[in-house]
N, C-alpha and C. Protein backbone atom coordinates (compact mmCIF):
# COMPACT_ATOMS: atom_id res chain seq x y z
N MET A 1 0.72 -0.83 0.06
CA MET A 1 -0.13 -0.07 -0.26
C MET A 1 1.24 1.38 0.24
N LYS A 2 1.74 1.28 0.84
CA LYS A 2 3.09 2.27 0.70
C LYS A 2 3.38 2.58 -0.65
N ARG A 3 3.89 1.36 -1.18
CA ARG A 3 4.77 1.34 -2.21
C ARG A 3 4.11 1.97 -3.24
N GLY A 4 2.45 2.11 -3.17
CA GLY A 4 1.58 2.72 -4.45
C GLY A 4 1.67 4.08 -3.81
N LEU A 5 1.36 4.64 -2.70
CA LEU A 5 1.05 6.13 -2.66
C LEU A 5 2.25 6.10 -2.95
N LEU A 6 3.45 5.86 -2.61
CA LEU A 6 5.01 6.85 -3.24
C LEU A 6 4.82 6.67 -4.70
N SER A 7 4.02 5.72 -5.28
CA SER A 7 4.33 5.95 -6.43
C SER A 7 3.44 6.95 -7.08
N LEU A 8 2.36 6.90 -6.31
CA LEU A 8 1.10 7.69 -6.81
C LEU A 8 1.65 9.54 -6.89
N LEU A 9 2.24 9.53 -5.65
CA LEU A 9 2.93 10.57 -5.29
C LEU A 9 3.90 11.75 -6.16
N THR A 10 4.84 10.08 -6.47
CA THR A 10 5.82 10.41 -7.80
C THR A 10 5.35 10.96 -9.38
N ILE A 11 4.30 9.98 -9.46
CA ILE A 11 3.85 10.73 -10.76
C ILE A 11 3.19 11.78 -10.78
N SER A 12 2.38 12.11 -9.49
CA SER A 12 2.09 13.20 -9.44
C SER A 12 2.80 14.28 -9.35
N ILE A 13 4.35 14.27 -8.88
CA ILE A 13 4.93 15.19 -8.62
C ILE A 13 5.31 15.80 -10.07
N ALA A 14 5.78 14.53 -10.72
CA ALA A 14 6.45 14.49 -12.25
C ALA A 14 4.92 15.33 -13.22
N PHE A 15 3.95 15.00 -13.01
CA PHE A 15 2.70 15.82 -14.04
C PHE A 15 3.07 17.13 -13.70
N LEU A 16 2.83 17.11 -12.65
CA LEU A 16 3.25 19.17 -11.93
C LEU A 16 4.09 19.60 -12.53
N VAL A 17 5.40 18.60 -13.02
CA VAL A 17 6.38 19.35 -13.40
C VAL A 17 6.18 19.94 -14.52
N ALA A 18 5.73 18.90 -15.23
CA ALA A 18 5.57 18.55 -16.71
C ALA A 18 4.78 19.64 -17.41
N SER A 19 3.39 20.26 -16.62
CA SER A 19 2.74 21.14 -16.99
C SER A 19 2.75 22.21 -16.35
N SER A 20 3.77 22.66 -16.42
CA SER A 20 4.68 24.24 -15.92
C SER A 20 5.56 24.34 -17.01
N SER A 21 5.86 23.50 -18.03
CA SER A 21 6.49 23.67 -18.82
C SER A 21 6.13 24.53 -19.65
N SER A 22 5.47 25.20 -19.63
CA SER A 22 4.98 27.04 -20.36
C SER A 22 5.65 28.44 -19.76
N ALA A 23 6.72 27.62 -18.44
CA ALA A 23 7.33 28.82 -17.73
C ALA A 23 8.76 29.25 -17.94
N ALA A 24 9.35 30.24 -18.49
CA ALA A 24 10.21 30.56 -18.28
C ALA A 24 11.29 29.60 -17.49
N PRO A 25 12.43 29.34 -17.90
CA PRO A 25 13.76 28.93 -16.87
C PRO A 25 14.03 30.33 -16.17
N GLN A 26 14.62 29.52 -14.84
CA GLN A 26 15.05 30.47 -13.80
C GLN A 26 15.93 30.94 -14.20
N ARG A 27 16.70 32.00 -14.08
CA ARG A 27 18.18 32.80 -13.91
C ARG A 27 19.06 31.28 -13.84
N GLY A 28 19.94 30.60 -14.28
CA GLY A 28 20.94 29.81 -13.93
C GLY A 28 20.94 28.23 -13.82
N THR A 29 19.28 28.06 -14.55
CA THR A 29 18.76 27.25 -14.78
C THR A 29 18.60 26.52 -16.37
N GLY A 30 18.72 25.29 -16.97
CA GLY A 30 18.22 24.50 -17.97
C GLY A 30 17.23 23.11 -18.03
N ILE A 31 17.10 22.79 -18.65
CA ILE A 31 16.02 21.68 -18.97
C ILE A 31 16.55 20.58 -19.54
N LEU A 32 16.42 19.15 -19.03
CA LEU A 32 16.80 18.12 -20.04
C LEU A 32 15.42 17.11 -20.19
N ALA A 33 15.35 16.99 -21.55
CA ALA A 33 14.37 16.29 -21.95
C ALA A 33 14.87 14.99 -22.78
N GLY A 34 13.51 14.44 -23.11
CA GLY A 34 14.40 12.89 -23.98
C GLY A 34 12.97 12.18 -24.19
N VAL A 35 13.30 10.64 -24.17
CA VAL A 35 12.48 9.70 -24.86
C VAL A 35 13.31 8.46 -23.95
N VAL A 36 12.22 8.45 -23.64
CA VAL A 36 12.61 6.38 -23.46
C VAL A 36 12.18 5.17 -24.44
N LEU A 37 13.48 4.43 -24.84
CA LEU A 37 12.72 3.69 -26.06
C LEU A 37 13.38 2.16 -25.15
N GLY A 38 12.17 1.14 -25.69
CA GLY A 38 12.28 -0.21 -25.70
C GLY A 38 13.33 -0.70 -26.25
N PRO A 39 13.48 -2.46 -25.66
CA PRO A 39 14.91 -2.75 -26.62
C PRO A 39 14.27 -2.93 -28.08
N ASP A 40 12.90 -2.97 -28.23
CA ASP A 40 11.84 -3.24 -29.51
C ASP A 40 11.88 -1.80 -30.05
N ASP A 41 12.79 -0.48 -29.82
CA ASP A 41 12.67 0.88 -30.08
C ASP A 41 11.12 1.46 -30.33
N LYS A 42 10.58 1.27 -29.58
CA LYS A 42 9.49 1.71 -29.30
C LYS A 42 9.29 2.72 -27.99
N PRO A 43 8.58 3.67 -27.96
CA PRO A 43 8.62 4.71 -26.65
C PRO A 43 7.98 3.84 -25.21
N VAL A 44 8.58 3.81 -24.40
CA VAL A 44 7.90 3.34 -23.47
C VAL A 44 7.21 4.29 -22.42
N ALA A 45 5.94 4.00 -22.28
CA ALA A 45 5.15 4.98 -21.33
C ALA A 45 5.53 4.40 -19.70
N ARG A 46 5.36 5.26 -18.88
CA ARG A 46 5.77 4.95 -17.42
C ARG A 46 6.68 4.79 -16.99
N ALA A 47 8.05 4.95 -18.00
CA ALA A 47 9.19 4.48 -17.36
C ALA A 47 10.07 5.63 -16.40
N ALA A 48 10.93 4.77 -15.65
CA ALA A 48 11.79 5.61 -14.81
C ALA A 48 12.99 6.39 -14.90
N VAL A 49 12.82 7.64 -15.09
CA VAL A 49 14.34 7.99 -15.46
C VAL A 49 15.18 8.93 -14.04
N THR A 50 15.97 8.29 -13.71
CA THR A 50 16.66 8.38 -12.49
C THR A 50 17.40 9.63 -12.80
N TYR A 51 17.71 10.32 -11.94
CA TYR A 51 18.86 10.83 -12.78
C TYR A 51 20.04 12.05 -11.33
N GLN A 52 20.82 12.42 -11.15
CA GLN A 52 21.49 13.28 -10.34
C GLN A 52 22.70 13.93 -10.78
N SER A 53 23.22 14.97 -10.04
CA SER A 53 24.13 15.94 -10.50
C SER A 53 25.14 14.98 -10.90
N GLY A 54 26.69 15.82 -11.11
CA GLY A 54 27.64 15.21 -11.83
C GLY A 54 28.77 14.49 -10.45
N ASP A 55 28.40 15.10 -9.23
CA ASP A 55 28.72 14.80 -8.25
C ASP A 55 28.15 13.34 -7.36
N GLY A 56 27.39 12.72 -8.19
CA GLY A 56 26.58 11.93 -7.46
C GLY A 56 25.36 12.28 -6.41
N THR A 57 25.36 13.30 -5.72
CA THR A 57 24.63 13.76 -4.74
C THR A 57 22.92 14.07 -5.28
N ALA A 58 21.94 14.28 -4.27
CA ALA A 58 20.85 14.44 -4.66
C ALA A 58 20.34 13.75 -5.50
N PRO A 59 19.88 12.14 -5.63
CA PRO A 59 19.35 11.87 -6.86
C PRO A 59 17.41 11.90 -6.75
N HIS A 60 17.18 12.31 -8.14
CA HIS A 60 15.77 12.25 -8.22
C HIS A 60 15.15 11.37 -9.54
N ALA A 61 13.65 11.21 -9.59
CA ALA A 61 13.13 10.34 -10.71
C ALA A 61 12.28 11.21 -11.27
N VAL A 62 11.80 10.82 -12.38
CA VAL A 62 10.65 11.16 -13.13
C VAL A 62 10.14 10.23 -13.66
N HIS A 63 9.18 9.97 -14.27
CA HIS A 63 8.10 9.22 -15.39
C HIS A 63 8.08 9.42 -16.75
N THR A 64 8.05 8.96 -17.56
CA THR A 64 7.92 9.36 -18.65
C THR A 64 5.91 9.23 -18.77
N ASP A 65 6.01 9.89 -19.71
CA ASP A 65 4.64 10.03 -20.47
C ASP A 65 4.07 9.02 -21.12
N ALA A 66 2.76 9.18 -21.81
CA ALA A 66 2.08 7.78 -22.69
C ALA A 66 2.77 7.88 -23.41
N ARG A 67 3.79 8.76 -24.34
CA ARG A 67 4.27 8.55 -25.28
C ARG A 67 5.91 8.17 -24.95
N GLY A 68 6.44 8.12 -24.30
CA GLY A 68 8.11 7.79 -23.38
C GLY A 68 8.69 8.81 -22.95
N ARG A 69 8.05 9.76 -23.46
CA ARG A 69 8.98 11.47 -23.26
C ARG A 69 8.93 11.96 -21.86
N PHE A 70 9.98 12.66 -21.26
CA PHE A 70 10.07 13.13 -20.57
C PHE A 70 10.94 14.37 -20.45
N THR A 71 10.71 15.35 -19.40
CA THR A 71 11.09 17.00 -18.83
C THR A 71 11.47 17.00 -18.46
N ILE A 72 12.34 17.39 -17.50
CA ILE A 72 12.78 17.92 -16.04
C ILE A 72 13.37 19.53 -16.16
N HIS A 73 12.28 19.97 -15.50
CA HIS A 73 12.71 21.92 -15.63
C HIS A 73 13.54 22.43 -14.76
N LYS A 74 14.23 23.44 -14.56
CA LYS A 74 14.61 24.01 -13.73
C LYS A 74 15.94 23.84 -12.96
N LEU A 75 16.78 22.75 -13.75
CA LEU A 75 18.11 21.75 -13.30
C LEU A 75 19.20 23.34 -12.99
N ARG A 76 19.63 23.48 -12.05
CA ARG A 76 20.68 24.50 -11.69
C ARG A 76 21.86 23.85 -13.66
N SER A 77 22.69 24.67 -13.59
CA SER A 77 23.45 24.32 -14.74
C SER A 77 24.99 23.27 -14.08
N ASP A 78 24.88 22.48 -14.82
CA ASP A 78 25.56 21.52 -14.04
C ASP A 78 25.86 20.69 -15.30
N ASN A 79 26.74 19.45 -14.85
CA ASN A 79 26.53 17.69 -15.74
C ASN A 79 25.99 17.17 -14.68
N TYR A 80 25.11 16.50 -15.60
CA TYR A 80 24.22 15.04 -14.76
C TYR A 80 24.28 14.07 -15.54
N SER A 81 23.87 12.80 -14.43
CA SER A 81 24.18 11.20 -14.95
C SER A 81 22.52 11.04 -15.04
N LEU A 82 22.24 9.86 -15.62
CA LEU A 82 20.78 9.64 -15.70
C LEU A 82 20.88 8.23 -16.64
N ARG A 83 19.49 7.79 -15.93
CA ARG A 83 19.48 6.26 -16.31
C ARG A 83 18.05 6.10 -16.25
N ALA A 84 17.61 4.85 -17.45
CA ALA A 84 15.93 4.70 -17.07
C ALA A 84 15.76 3.27 -17.20
N SER A 85 14.53 2.89 -16.76
CA SER A 85 14.30 1.77 -16.14
C SER A 85 12.74 1.50 -16.48
N ALA A 86 12.31 0.39 -16.38
CA ALA A 86 10.70 -0.33 -17.17
C ALA A 86 10.80 -1.74 -16.98
N ARG A 87 9.88 -2.53 -16.13
CA ARG A 87 9.69 -3.75 -16.58
C ARG A 87 11.12 -4.54 -16.44
N GLY A 88 11.84 -3.88 -15.17
CA GLY A 88 12.87 -5.18 -15.41
C GLY A 88 13.90 -4.91 -16.11
N VAL A 89 14.02 -3.86 -16.95
CA VAL A 89 14.86 -3.70 -18.03
C VAL A 89 15.46 -1.88 -17.96
N PHE A 90 17.25 -2.13 -18.27
CA PHE A 90 17.83 -0.70 -17.47
C PHE A 90 18.68 -0.59 -18.97
N SER A 91 18.46 1.12 -18.87
CA SER A 91 19.67 1.38 -19.61
C SER A 91 20.62 1.63 -19.54
N GLU A 92 21.63 1.82 -19.63
CA GLU A 92 23.12 2.31 -19.49
C GLU A 92 23.20 4.10 -19.02
N TRP A 93 23.97 4.32 -17.98
CA TRP A 93 24.09 5.09 -17.22
C TRP A 93 24.90 6.17 -18.51
N GLU A 94 23.61 7.14 -18.28
CA GLU A 94 24.30 8.60 -19.17
C GLU A 94 25.13 9.36 -18.87
N LYS A 95 26.50 9.17 -18.45
CA LYS A 95 27.04 10.38 -17.40
C LYS A 95 27.34 11.90 -18.18
N ASN A 96 27.76 12.82 -17.49
CA ASN A 96 28.48 14.09 -18.18
C ASN A 96 27.32 14.23 -19.00
N VAL A 97 26.33 14.74 -18.80
CA VAL A 97 25.05 15.34 -19.65
C VAL A 97 24.92 17.00 -19.52
N ALA A 98 25.64 17.48 -20.15
CA ALA A 98 26.03 18.96 -19.45
C ALA A 98 24.40 19.40 -19.98
N VAL A 99 23.85 20.29 -18.61
CA VAL A 99 22.46 21.17 -18.72
C VAL A 99 23.08 22.62 -18.60
N ARG A 100 22.43 23.48 -19.30
CA ARG A 100 23.37 25.07 -19.53
C ARG A 100 22.36 25.87 -19.19
N SER A 101 22.38 27.13 -18.54
CA SER A 101 21.46 27.73 -18.48
C SER A 101 20.80 28.51 -19.76
N GLY A 102 19.28 28.48 -19.71
CA GLY A 102 18.63 28.95 -20.75
C GLY A 102 18.83 27.76 -21.79
N LYS A 103 18.94 26.58 -21.37
CA LYS A 103 19.10 25.95 -22.78
C LYS A 103 18.63 24.26 -23.07
N THR A 104 17.81 23.95 -23.59
CA THR A 104 16.96 22.78 -23.23
C THR A 104 18.54 21.28 -23.81
N LYS A 105 18.95 20.77 -23.09
CA LYS A 105 19.19 19.64 -23.42
C LYS A 105 18.55 18.06 -24.02
N THR A 106 18.68 17.71 -25.01
CA THR A 106 17.60 16.66 -25.66
C THR A 106 18.53 15.00 -25.77
N ILE A 107 18.11 14.03 -24.96
CA ILE A 107 18.55 12.63 -24.87
C ILE A 107 17.50 11.73 -25.20
N THR A 108 18.55 10.64 -25.90
CA THR A 108 17.53 9.15 -25.72
C THR A 108 18.01 8.45 -24.77
N LEU A 109 17.27 7.58 -24.66
CA LEU A 109 17.61 6.40 -23.16
C LEU A 109 16.89 5.22 -23.89
N ARG A 110 18.18 4.14 -23.82
CA ARG A 110 17.58 2.94 -24.93
C ARG A 110 17.73 2.05 -23.83
N LEU A 111 16.57 1.26 -23.43
CA LEU A 111 16.73 0.15 -22.30
C LEU A 111 17.01 -1.12 -23.16
N ILE A 112 18.30 -1.45 -22.30
CA ILE A 112 18.76 -2.80 -22.93
C ILE A 112 19.08 -3.55 -22.43
N TYR A 113 19.61 -3.24 -20.87
CA TYR A 113 20.00 -4.54 -19.98
C TYR A 113 18.75 -5.66 -19.19
N ALA A 114 18.45 -6.86 -19.19
CA ALA A 114 17.94 -7.64 -18.61
C ALA A 114 18.28 -8.84 -17.98
N LYS A 115 18.28 -9.36 -17.02
CA LYS A 115 18.64 -10.33 -16.68
C LYS A 115 18.12 -11.75 -17.40
N GLU A 116 16.36 -11.16 -18.03
CA GLU A 116 15.83 -12.11 -18.89
C GLU A 116 14.57 -11.38 -19.46
N MET A 117 14.56 -11.30 -20.66
CA MET A 117 13.89 -10.24 -21.17
C MET A 117 12.26 -10.45 -20.71
N PRO A 118 11.62 -9.35 -20.16
CA PRO A 118 9.89 -9.30 -19.52
C PRO A 118 9.32 -9.79 -20.62
N LYS A 119 7.81 -10.52 -20.38
CA LYS A 119 6.82 -10.79 -21.68
C LYS A 119 6.62 -8.93 -22.22
N ALA A 120 6.72 -8.66 -21.43
CA ALA A 120 5.93 -7.43 -21.42
C ALA A 120 6.60 -6.42 -23.11
N PHE A 121 7.95 -7.09 -23.32
CA PHE A 121 8.82 -6.86 -24.14
C PHE A 121 8.62 -7.82 -25.69
N GLY A 122 8.01 -8.58 -25.30
CA GLY A 122 7.41 -9.72 -26.69
C GLY A 122 8.37 -10.82 -26.56
N ALA A 123 9.41 -11.13 -25.70
CA ALA A 123 10.48 -11.94 -25.52
C ALA A 123 10.15 -13.43 -25.13
N ALA A 124 10.28 -14.92 -26.05
CA ALA A 124 9.72 -15.77 -25.18
C ALA A 124 10.58 -15.96 -23.95
N PRO A 125 9.70 -16.31 -22.67
CA PRO A 125 10.72 -16.71 -21.50
C PRO A 125 11.92 -17.54 -21.73
N GLY A 126 12.86 -17.29 -20.64
CA GLY A 126 14.07 -17.60 -20.72
C GLY A 126 15.04 -17.23 -21.86
N LYS A 127 14.57 -16.51 -22.75
CA LYS A 127 15.79 -15.51 -24.14
C LYS A 127 15.88 -13.99 -23.70
N PRO A 128 16.86 -13.88 -23.55
CA PRO A 128 17.43 -12.80 -23.85
C PRO A 128 17.36 -12.16 -24.59
């Protein structure tokens, strides 16, 4: 039950952040946007995108929308590391992604790692 409430809270926060996209960026902040693609190269809805500043502090997460897209607003100028995950599949860590003041950095994350490919992505059980 607590896990479900936490997930709902995370999704609500991500929605609020996404809905404020028309606001101008604050001085010294930038935007990180992108898409998460599955092993089949199709967009993945509700994938978790974990990101943290270049020094490894303050990890955060957002979720993709129904089209596999995510937007993170008001990031201070810095280098960030980010990774996506969904249904037991993960992307590689993208490191040193530069976010600069007044700019939007766009990135594509591809889910590629799994112990076993989940049925949700169409692979036969036991075949990676």
